[in-house]
């Protein structure tokens, strides 16, 4: 089976932006990573990789994170694409 094509830089940048947004929302709600993981059932190492932008979470995982923090899913992924010059 052929290896999947790695994502281009634009996708990697947006993944990092989503991770940063998740961290901002979590901190705004005065929650630690352990708090979110305990409520969502996500492994701490996995959650940390998501916030750092090293891992692309599945939609189900994003829903579990949003529910654990108590926010709409859109709050976690509300990032603007970079402007083209």
N, C-alpha and C. Protein backbone atom coordinates (compact mmCIF):
# COMPACT_ATOMS: atom_id res chain seq x y z
N UNK A 1 0.85 -1.17 0.00
CA UNK A 1 0.00 0.00 0.00
C UNK A 1 0.90 1.25 0.00
N UNK A 2 0.60 2.22 -0.85
CA UNK A 2 1.42 3.43 -0.92
C UNK A 2 1.25 4.29 0.33
N UNK A 3 2.31 4.99 0.67
CA UNK A 3 2.26 5.90 1.82
C UNK A 3 1.40 7.11 1.48
N UNK A 4 0.66 7.62 2.48
CA UNK A 4 -0.12 8.84 2.20
C UNK A 4 0.81 10.03 1.97
N UNK A 5 0.35 10.94 1.16
CA UNK A 5 1.11 12.15 0.89
C UNK A 5 1.09 13.03 2.14
N UNK A 6 2.25 13.52 2.58
CA UNK A 6 2.25 14.39 3.75
C UNK A 6 1.52 15.70 3.45
N UNK A 7 0.92 16.29 4.48
CA UNK A 7 0.18 17.54 4.24
C UNK A 7 1.13 18.67 3.84
N UNK A 8 0.60 19.60 3.05
CA UNK A 8 1.43 20.73 2.67
C UNK A 8 1.51 21.73 3.82
N UNK A 9 2.37 22.71 3.68
CA UNK A 9 2.64 23.68 4.76
C UNK A 9 1.39 24.45 5.18
N UNK A 10 0.51 24.73 4.24
CA UNK A 10 -0.73 25.44 4.56
C UNK A 10 -1.57 24.64 5.55
N UNK A 11 -1.67 23.35 5.34
CA UNK A 11 -2.45 22.49 6.22
C UNK A 11 -1.78 22.40 7.59
N UNK A 12 -0.48 22.28 7.62
CA UNK A 12 0.25 22.21 8.89
C UNK A 12 0.07 23.49 9.68
N UNK A 13 0.12 24.62 9.01
CA UNK A 13 -0.08 25.92 9.67
C UNK A 13 -1.47 26.01 10.26
N UNK A 14 -2.48 25.62 9.52
CA UNK A 14 -3.86 25.68 10.02
C UNK A 14 -4.05 24.71 11.18
N UNK A 15 -3.43 23.53 11.12
CA UNK A 15 -3.52 22.56 12.21
C UNK A 15 -2.96 23.17 13.50
N UNK A 16 -1.83 23.88 13.39
CA UNK A 16 -1.24 24.55 14.55
C UNK A 16 -2.17 25.64 15.08
N UNK A 17 -2.80 26.38 14.18
CA UNK A 17 -3.73 27.43 14.60
C UNK A 17 -4.91 26.83 15.38
N UNK A 18 -5.42 25.71 14.92
CA UNK A 18 -6.52 25.06 15.63
C UNK A 18 -6.06 24.60 17.00
N UNK A 19 -4.87 24.03 17.09
CA UNK A 19 -4.33 23.61 18.38
C UNK A 19 -4.20 24.78 19.34
N UNK A 20 -3.70 25.91 18.83
CA UNK A 20 -3.57 27.12 19.66
C UNK A 20 -4.93 27.63 20.10
N UNK A 21 -5.92 27.55 19.22
CA UNK A 21 -7.27 27.99 19.57
C UNK A 21 -7.86 27.09 20.66
N UNK A 22 -7.66 25.80 20.55
CA UNK A 22 -8.14 24.88 21.58
C UNK A 22 -7.51 25.22 22.93
N UNK A 23 -6.20 25.49 22.93
CA UNK A 23 -5.52 25.87 24.17
C UNK A 23 -6.08 27.16 24.75
N UNK A 24 -6.30 28.17 23.88
CA UNK A 24 -6.87 29.45 24.36
C UNK A 24 -8.23 29.26 25.00
N UNK A 25 -9.08 28.47 24.34
CA UNK A 25 -10.42 28.24 24.87
C UNK A 25 -10.33 27.49 26.21
N UNK A 26 -9.49 26.48 26.27
CA UNK A 26 -9.31 25.73 27.52
C UNK A 26 -8.85 26.64 28.65
N UNK A 27 -7.84 27.48 28.38
CA UNK A 27 -7.33 28.38 29.41
C UNK A 27 -8.35 29.43 29.80
N UNK A 28 -9.13 29.91 28.84
CA UNK A 28 -10.17 30.90 29.14
C UNK A 28 -11.18 30.31 30.13
N UNK A 29 -11.38 29.01 30.07
CA UNK A 29 -12.32 28.34 30.97
C UNK A 29 -11.61 27.77 32.21
N UNK A 30 -10.38 28.25 32.44
CA UNK A 30 -9.61 27.89 33.63
C UNK A 30 -9.52 26.38 33.83
N UNK A 31 -9.23 25.69 32.75
CA UNK A 31 -9.10 24.24 32.81
C UNK A 31 -7.69 23.83 32.44
N UNK A 32 -7.20 22.78 33.07
CA UNK A 32 -5.90 22.21 32.71
C UNK A 32 -6.12 21.15 31.63
N UNK A 33 -5.04 20.73 31.02
CA UNK A 33 -5.14 19.64 30.06
C UNK A 33 -5.69 18.39 30.75
N UNK A 34 -5.27 18.15 31.99
CA UNK A 34 -5.75 16.99 32.73
C UNK A 34 -7.25 17.07 32.98
N UNK A 35 -7.77 18.29 33.24
CA UNK A 35 -9.21 18.46 33.42
C UNK A 35 -9.96 18.03 32.16
N UNK A 36 -9.51 18.53 31.01
CA UNK A 36 -10.18 18.21 29.75
C UNK A 36 -10.08 16.71 29.47
N UNK A 37 -8.92 16.15 29.71
CA UNK A 37 -8.72 14.72 29.45
C UNK A 37 -9.60 13.87 30.36
N UNK A 38 -9.71 14.25 31.62
CA UNK A 38 -10.55 13.51 32.55
C UNK A 38 -12.01 13.53 32.15
N UNK A 39 -12.46 14.66 31.63
CA UNK A 39 -13.87 14.78 31.23
C UNK A 39 -14.16 14.17 29.87
N UNK A 40 -13.14 14.11 29.02
CA UNK A 40 -13.36 13.65 27.64
C UNK A 40 -12.92 12.21 27.41
N UNK A 41 -12.08 11.69 28.29
CA UNK A 41 -11.56 10.34 28.10
C UNK A 41 -10.42 10.26 27.11
N UNK A 42 -9.82 11.41 26.79
CA UNK A 42 -8.69 11.45 25.85
C UNK A 42 -7.40 11.35 26.65
N UNK A 43 -6.46 10.58 26.14
CA UNK A 43 -5.15 10.44 26.76
C UNK A 43 -4.44 11.80 26.78
N UNK A 44 -3.75 12.11 27.88
CA UNK A 44 -3.08 13.40 28.03
C UNK A 44 -2.04 13.62 26.93
N UNK A 45 -1.27 12.60 26.59
CA UNK A 45 -0.26 12.75 25.54
C UNK A 45 -0.92 13.06 24.19
N UNK A 46 -2.01 12.40 23.91
CA UNK A 46 -2.74 12.66 22.66
C UNK A 46 -3.27 14.09 22.64
N UNK A 47 -3.87 14.50 23.75
CA UNK A 47 -4.42 15.86 23.83
C UNK A 47 -3.32 16.90 23.67
N UNK A 48 -2.19 16.66 24.29
CA UNK A 48 -1.06 17.59 24.17
C UNK A 48 -0.61 17.72 22.73
N UNK A 49 -0.54 16.61 22.00
CA UNK A 49 -0.15 16.65 20.58
C UNK A 49 -1.17 17.45 19.76
N UNK A 50 -2.43 17.37 20.12
CA UNK A 50 -3.46 18.14 19.40
C UNK A 50 -3.23 19.63 19.63
N UNK A 51 -3.03 20.04 20.89
CA UNK A 51 -2.81 21.47 21.18
C UNK A 51 -1.54 21.99 20.52
N UNK A 52 -0.53 21.15 20.40
CA UNK A 52 0.73 21.57 19.78
C UNK A 52 0.67 21.57 18.26
N UNK A 53 -0.41 21.03 17.70
CA UNK A 53 -0.55 20.98 16.25
C UNK A 53 0.21 19.83 15.62
N UNK A 54 0.65 18.87 16.42
CA UNK A 54 1.39 17.72 15.89
C UNK A 54 0.46 16.59 15.45
N UNK A 55 -0.79 16.67 15.84
CA UNK A 55 -1.74 15.61 15.55
C UNK A 55 -3.04 16.21 15.03
N UNK A 56 -3.64 15.55 14.06
CA UNK A 56 -4.93 15.99 13.52
C UNK A 56 -6.04 15.19 14.18
N UNK A 57 -6.83 15.83 15.03
CA UNK A 57 -7.89 15.08 15.72
C UNK A 57 -9.05 14.76 14.78
N UNK A 58 -9.67 13.63 15.03
CA UNK A 58 -10.89 13.28 14.32
C UNK A 58 -12.02 14.17 14.83
N UNK A 59 -13.06 14.27 14.05
CA UNK A 59 -14.22 15.08 14.45
C UNK A 59 -14.78 14.61 15.78
N UNK A 60 -14.87 13.31 15.99
CA UNK A 60 -15.39 12.78 17.26
C UNK A 60 -14.57 13.28 18.44
N UNK A 61 -13.25 13.36 18.26
CA UNK A 61 -12.37 13.84 19.33
C UNK A 61 -12.60 15.31 19.59
N UNK A 62 -12.76 16.10 18.54
CA UNK A 62 -13.05 17.53 18.72
C UNK A 62 -14.37 17.74 19.45
N UNK A 63 -15.35 16.92 19.15
CA UNK A 63 -16.65 17.02 19.83
C UNK A 63 -16.47 16.70 21.30
N UNK A 64 -15.70 15.66 21.63
CA UNK A 64 -15.47 15.30 23.02
C UNK A 64 -14.74 16.42 23.77
N UNK A 65 -13.79 17.08 23.11
CA UNK A 65 -13.07 18.20 23.74
C UNK A 65 -14.03 19.36 23.98
N UNK A 66 -14.82 19.71 22.97
CA UNK A 66 -15.77 20.81 23.13
C UNK A 66 -16.75 20.53 24.26
N UNK A 67 -17.26 19.32 24.32
CA UNK A 67 -18.20 18.95 25.39
C UNK A 67 -17.52 19.01 26.75
N UNK A 68 -16.27 18.57 26.84
CA UNK A 68 -15.54 18.58 28.11
C UNK A 68 -15.32 20.00 28.61
N UNK A 69 -15.06 20.93 27.70
CA UNK A 69 -14.85 22.32 28.08
C UNK A 69 -16.18 23.03 28.28
N UNK A 70 -17.21 22.57 27.58
CA UNK A 70 -18.54 23.18 27.69
C UNK A 70 -18.75 24.31 26.71
N UNK A 71 -18.21 24.14 25.50
CA UNK A 71 -18.35 25.17 24.47
C UNK A 71 -18.85 24.54 23.18
N UNK A 72 -19.42 25.34 22.28
CA UNK A 72 -19.78 24.81 20.97
C UNK A 72 -18.52 24.40 20.20
N UNK A 73 -18.63 23.41 19.38
CA UNK A 73 -17.52 22.92 18.57
C UNK A 73 -16.88 24.05 17.77
N UNK A 74 -17.67 24.97 17.28
CA UNK A 74 -17.13 26.05 16.45
C UNK A 74 -16.12 26.91 17.21
N UNK A 75 -16.23 26.98 18.53
CA UNK A 75 -15.26 27.78 19.30
C UNK A 75 -13.85 27.20 19.22
N UNK A 76 -13.76 25.91 18.99
CA UNK A 76 -12.45 25.27 18.93
C UNK A 76 -11.77 25.43 17.58
N UNK A 77 -12.54 25.61 16.55
CA UNK A 77 -11.97 25.64 15.20
C UNK A 77 -12.16 26.99 14.51
N UNK A 78 -12.50 28.01 15.27
CA UNK A 78 -12.73 29.34 14.70
C UNK A 78 -11.40 30.05 14.49
N UNK A 79 -10.72 29.69 13.42
CA UNK A 79 -9.47 30.34 13.04
C UNK A 79 -9.63 30.86 11.62
N UNK A 80 -9.02 31.96 11.37
CA UNK A 80 -9.11 32.57 10.04
C UNK A 80 -7.95 32.12 9.17
N UNK A 81 -8.22 31.87 7.90
CA UNK A 81 -7.12 31.50 7.02
C UNK A 81 -6.17 32.69 6.84
N UNK A 82 -4.89 32.41 6.60
CA UNK A 82 -3.95 33.51 6.37
C UNK A 82 -4.33 34.29 5.13
N UNK A 83 -4.09 35.58 5.19
CA UNK A 83 -4.41 36.44 4.03
C UNK A 83 -3.38 36.23 2.93
N UNK A 84 -3.87 36.26 1.73
CA UNK A 84 -2.97 36.17 0.58
C UNK A 84 -2.50 37.56 0.22
N UNK A 85 -1.26 37.66 -0.12
CA UNK A 85 -0.71 38.96 -0.50
C UNK A 85 -0.72 39.13 -1.99
